[in-house]
C-alpha atoms as a PDB file:
ATOM      1  CA  MET A   1      -6.097  15.195   3.986  1.00  0.00           C
ATOM      2  CA  GLN A   2      -7.603  11.615   3.610  1.00  0.00           C
ATOM      3  CA  LEU A   3      -4.207  11.829   0.732  1.00  0.00           C
ATOM      4  CA  LEU A   4      -2.006  12.541   3.549  1.00  0.00           C
ATOM      5  CA  LEU A   5      -3.047   9.914   5.908  1.00  0.00           C
ATOM      6  CA  ALA A   6      -3.608   7.441   2.824  1.00  0.00           C
ATOM      7  CA  GLY A   7       0.459   8.339   2.252  1.00  0.00           C
ATOM      8  CA  ILE A   8       1.620   7.479   5.987  1.00  0.00           C
ATOM      9  CA  ALA A   9      -0.077   4.705   5.883  1.00  0.00           C
ATOM     10  CA  LEU A  10       1.375   2.889   3.180  1.00  0.00           C
ATOM     11  CA  LEU A  11       5.414   4.405   3.992  1.00  0.00           C
ATOM     12  CA  PHE A  12       3.868   2.650   7.368  1.00  0.00           C
ATOM     13  CA  GLY A  13       2.617  -0.774   5.900  1.00  0.00           C
ATOM     14  CA  THR A  14       6.276  -1.120   4.175  1.00  0.00           C
ATOM     15  CA  ALA A  15       8.080  -0.500   8.046  1.00  0.00           C
ATOM     16  CA  LEU A  16       6.057  -2.814   9.401  1.00  0.00           C
ATOM     17  CA  PRO A  17       6.819  -6.917   8.863  1.00  0.00           C
ATOM     18  CA  TRP A  18       4.528  -8.321   5.494  1.00  0.00           C
ATOM     19  CA  ALA A  19       4.220 -12.196   6.719  1.00  0.00           C
ATOM     20  CA  TYR A  20       3.629 -13.896  10.030  1.00  0.00           C
ATOM     21  CA  ILE A  21       4.704 -17.190   9.207  1.00  0.00           C
ATOM     22  CA  LEU A  22       5.244 -20.298  11.538  1.00  0.00           C
ATOM     23  CA  GLY A  23       5.448 -17.736  14.656  1.00  0.00           C
ATOM     24  CA  THR A  24       7.635 -15.679  13.000  1.00  0.00           C
ATOM     25  CA  LEU A  25       7.337 -11.598  11.257  1.00  0.00           C
ATOM     26  CA  LEU A  26       8.761 -11.175   8.210  1.00  0.00           C
ATOM     27  CA  SER A  27       9.682  -8.549   6.159  1.00  0.00           C
ATOM     28  CA  ALA A  28       9.737  -7.819   2.351  1.00  0.00           C
ATOM     29  CA  ALA A  29      12.263  -8.928  -0.158  1.00  0.00           C
ATOM     30  CA  PRO A  30      14.530  -5.565  -0.519  1.00  0.00           C
ATOM     31  CA  LEU A  31      12.910  -4.946  -4.038  1.00  0.00           C
ATOM     32  CA  ALA A  32       9.535  -4.852  -3.000  1.00  0.00           C
ATOM     33  CA  LEU A  33      10.097  -2.823  -0.134  1.00  0.00           C
ATOM     34  CA  MET A  34      11.309   0.229  -2.410  1.00  0.00           C
ATOM     35  CA  TRP A  35       8.456  -0.060  -4.361  1.00  0.00           C
ATOM     36  CA  THR A  36       5.990   0.554  -1.589  1.00  0.00           C
ATOM     37  CA  ALA A  37       8.590   3.146  -0.286  1.00  0.00           C
ATOM     38  CA  TRP A  38       7.901   4.719  -2.938  1.00  0.00           C
ATOM     39  CA  ALA A  39       4.255   4.072  -3.408  1.00  0.00           C
ATOM     40  CA  GLY A  40       4.102   5.835  -0.353  1.00  0.00           C
ATOM     41  CA  ILE A  41       5.913   8.765  -1.533  1.00  0.00           C
ATOM     42  CA  VAL A  42       4.671   9.491  -4.033  1.00  0.00           C
ATOM     43  CA  THR A  43       1.690   9.649  -2.654  1.00  0.00           C
ATOM     44  CA  VAL A  44       2.352  12.224  -0.206  1.00  0.00           C
ATOM     45  CA  ALA A  45       3.844  14.318  -2.482  1.00  0.00           C
ATOM     46  CA  ALA A  46       0.350  13.637  -4.099  1.00  0.00           C
ATOM     47  CA  ALA A  47      -1.759  15.361  -0.418  1.00  0.00           C
ATOM     48  CA  ILE A  48       0.928  18.560  -1.605  1.00  0.00           C
ATOM     49  CA  ALA A  49       1.194  18.840  -4.778  1.00  0.00           C
ATOM     50  CA  PRO A  50      -0.897  21.726  -6.079  1.00  0.00           C
ATOM     51  CA  TRP A  51      -1.318  20.985 -10.001  1.00  0.00           C
ATOM     52  CA  ARG A  52      -4.489  18.096 -10.379  1.00  0.00           C
ATOM     53  CA  PRO A  53      -3.309  16.656 -12.927  1.00  0.00           C
ATOM     54  CA  ILE A  54      -0.235  15.847 -10.334  1.00  0.00           C
ATOM     55  CA  VAL A  55      -2.289  15.111  -8.523  1.00  0.00           C
ATOM     56  CA  LEU A  56      -4.827  12.583  -9.572  1.00  0.00           C
ATOM     57  CA  PHE A  57      -1.863  10.502 -11.274  1.00  0.00           C
ATOM     58  CA  SER A  58       0.042  10.337  -7.833  1.00  0.00           C
ATOM     59  CA  ALA A  59      -2.784   8.905  -6.135  1.00  0.00           C
ATOM     60  CA  PHE A  60      -3.904   6.320  -8.271  1.00  0.00           C
ATOM     61  CA  ALA A  61      -0.124   5.684  -9.161  1.00  0.00           C
ATOM     62  CA  GLY A  62       0.993   4.838  -5.468  1.00  0.00           C
ATOM     63  CA  GLY A  63      -2.614   3.642  -4.613  1.00  0.00           C
ATOM     64  CA  ALA A  64      -3.014   0.818  -7.113  1.00  0.00           C
ATOM     65  CA  THR A  65       1.033   0.498  -6.717  1.00  0.00           C
ATOM     66  CA  ALA A  66       0.308  -0.515  -2.753  1.00  0.00           C
ATOM     67  CA  ILE A  67      -3.081  -2.162  -4.213  1.00  0.00           C
ATOM     68  CA  ALA A  68      -0.906  -4.990  -6.688  1.00  0.00           C
ATOM     69  CA  PHE A  69       1.213  -5.565  -3.681  1.00  0.00           C
ATOM     70  CA  ALA A  70      -0.532  -6.869  -0.780  1.00  0.00           C
ATOM     71  CA  VAL A  71      -2.949  -8.577  -3.614  1.00  0.00           C
ATOM     72  CA  TRP A  72       0.726 -10.295  -4.612  1.00  0.00           C
ATOM     73  CA  GLN A  73       1.620 -10.988  -0.978  1.00  0.00           C
ATOM     74  CA  THR A  74      -1.629 -12.037   0.343  1.00  0.00           C
ATOM     75  CA  GLY A  75      -2.507 -14.828  -3.296  1.00  0.00           C
ATOM     76  CA  ARG A  76       1.537 -15.204  -2.009  1.00  0.00           C
ATOM     77  CA  ILE A  77       0.893 -16.636   1.721  1.00  0.00           C
ATOM     78  CA  VAL A  78      -1.904 -18.031   0.585  1.00  0.00           C
ATOM     79  CA  ASP A  79      -0.317 -20.179  -2.744  1.00  0.00           C
ATOM     80  CA  VAL A  80       3.081 -21.673  -0.420  1.00  0.00           C
ATOM     81  CA  CYS A  81       1.043 -22.821   2.799  1.00  0.00           C
ATOM     82  CA  SER A  82      -3.446 -22.062   2.147  1.00  0.00           C
ATOM     83  CA  LEU A  83      -4.632 -19.660   5.087  1.00  0.00           C
ATOM     84  CA  SER A  84      -3.449 -21.024   7.966  1.00  0.00           C
ATOM     85  CA  PHE A  85      -3.274 -19.516  11.795  1.00  0.00           C
ATOM     86  CA  ASP A  86       0.779 -20.318  11.392  1.00  0.00           C
ATOM     87  CA  CYS A  87       1.476 -18.476   8.259  1.00  0.00           C
ATOM     88  CA  LEU A  88      -0.903 -15.631   8.089  1.00  0.00           C
ATOM     89  CA  PRO A  89      -0.553 -12.420   6.123  1.00  0.00           C
ATOM     90  CA  GLY A  90       1.053  -9.122   9.062  1.00  0.00           C
ATOM     91  CA  PRO A  91       0.569  -6.131   9.923  1.00  0.00           C
ATOM     92  CA  GLY A  92       2.282  -4.511   6.620  1.00  0.00           C
ATOM     93  CA  VAL A  93       0.147  -6.295   3.737  1.00  0.00           C
ATOM     94  CA  GLY A  94      -3.687  -4.789   5.584  1.00  0.00           C
ATOM     95  CA  PHE A  95      -1.956  -1.314   6.155  1.00  0.00           C
ATOM     96  CA  LEU A  96      -1.477  -1.342   1.671  1.00  0.00           C
ATOM     97  CA  LEU A  97      -4.355  -2.613   1.451  1.00  0.00           C
ATOM     98  CA  ALA A  98      -5.468   0.384   3.253  1.00  0.00           C
ATOM     99  CA  GLY A  99      -3.515   3.402   2.605  1.00  0.00           C
ATOM    100  CA  GLY A 100      -3.860   1.928  -1.233  1.00  0.00           C
ATOM    101  CA  VAL A 101      -7.593   1.813  -1.685  1.00  0.00           C
ATOM    102  CA  ALA A 102      -7.811   5.405   0.262  1.00  0.00           C
ATOM    103  CA  ALA A 103      -5.810   6.907  -2.159  1.00  0.00           C
ATOM    104  CA  VAL A 104      -7.120   5.529  -5.258  1.00  0.00           C
ATOM    105  CA  HIS A 105     -10.793   6.514  -3.628  1.00  0.00           C
ATOM    106  CA  SER A 106      -8.975  10.179  -3.203  1.00  0.00           C
ATOM    107  CA  ALA A 107      -8.329  10.419  -6.460  1.00  0.00           C
ATOM    108  CA  VAL A 108     -12.145   9.172  -8.061  1.00  0.00           C
ATOM    109  CA  GLN A 109     -13.532  11.542  -6.000  1.00  0.00           C
ATOM    110  CA  ILE A 110     -10.922  14.025  -7.112  1.00  0.00           C
ATOM    111  CA  ALA A 111     -11.336  13.317 -10.770  1.00  0.00           C
ATOM    112  CA  ARG A 112     -15.028  13.410 -10.101  1.00  0.00           C
ATOM    113  CA  SER A 113     -14.957  16.609  -8.344  1.00  0.00           C
ATOM    114  CA  SER A 114     -14.356  18.846 -11.701  1.00  0.00           C
END
């Protein structure tokens, strides 16, 4: 169940704005959106896959991809405008980070349970 919720969070994070700059909510570049949508779909697939190695690989891959994009986007925002109230990460980045951490955590729990 946790993997399914993580995958849904990743898909929401893909759809929500990634940055708040000078009062404007901005979405990500199309290629970044494609990668994070892939991470969400792979994580949802991990939630319903019957074969344990596929579950582990999909959960780790989807979670790690989402975490990488969330950290990268936040780093770009800090690099460009030093985190003022006029330049902040958007809600999509938060959903990506939370969903990615939940997916990796679930994969670690599954790996330890064997």
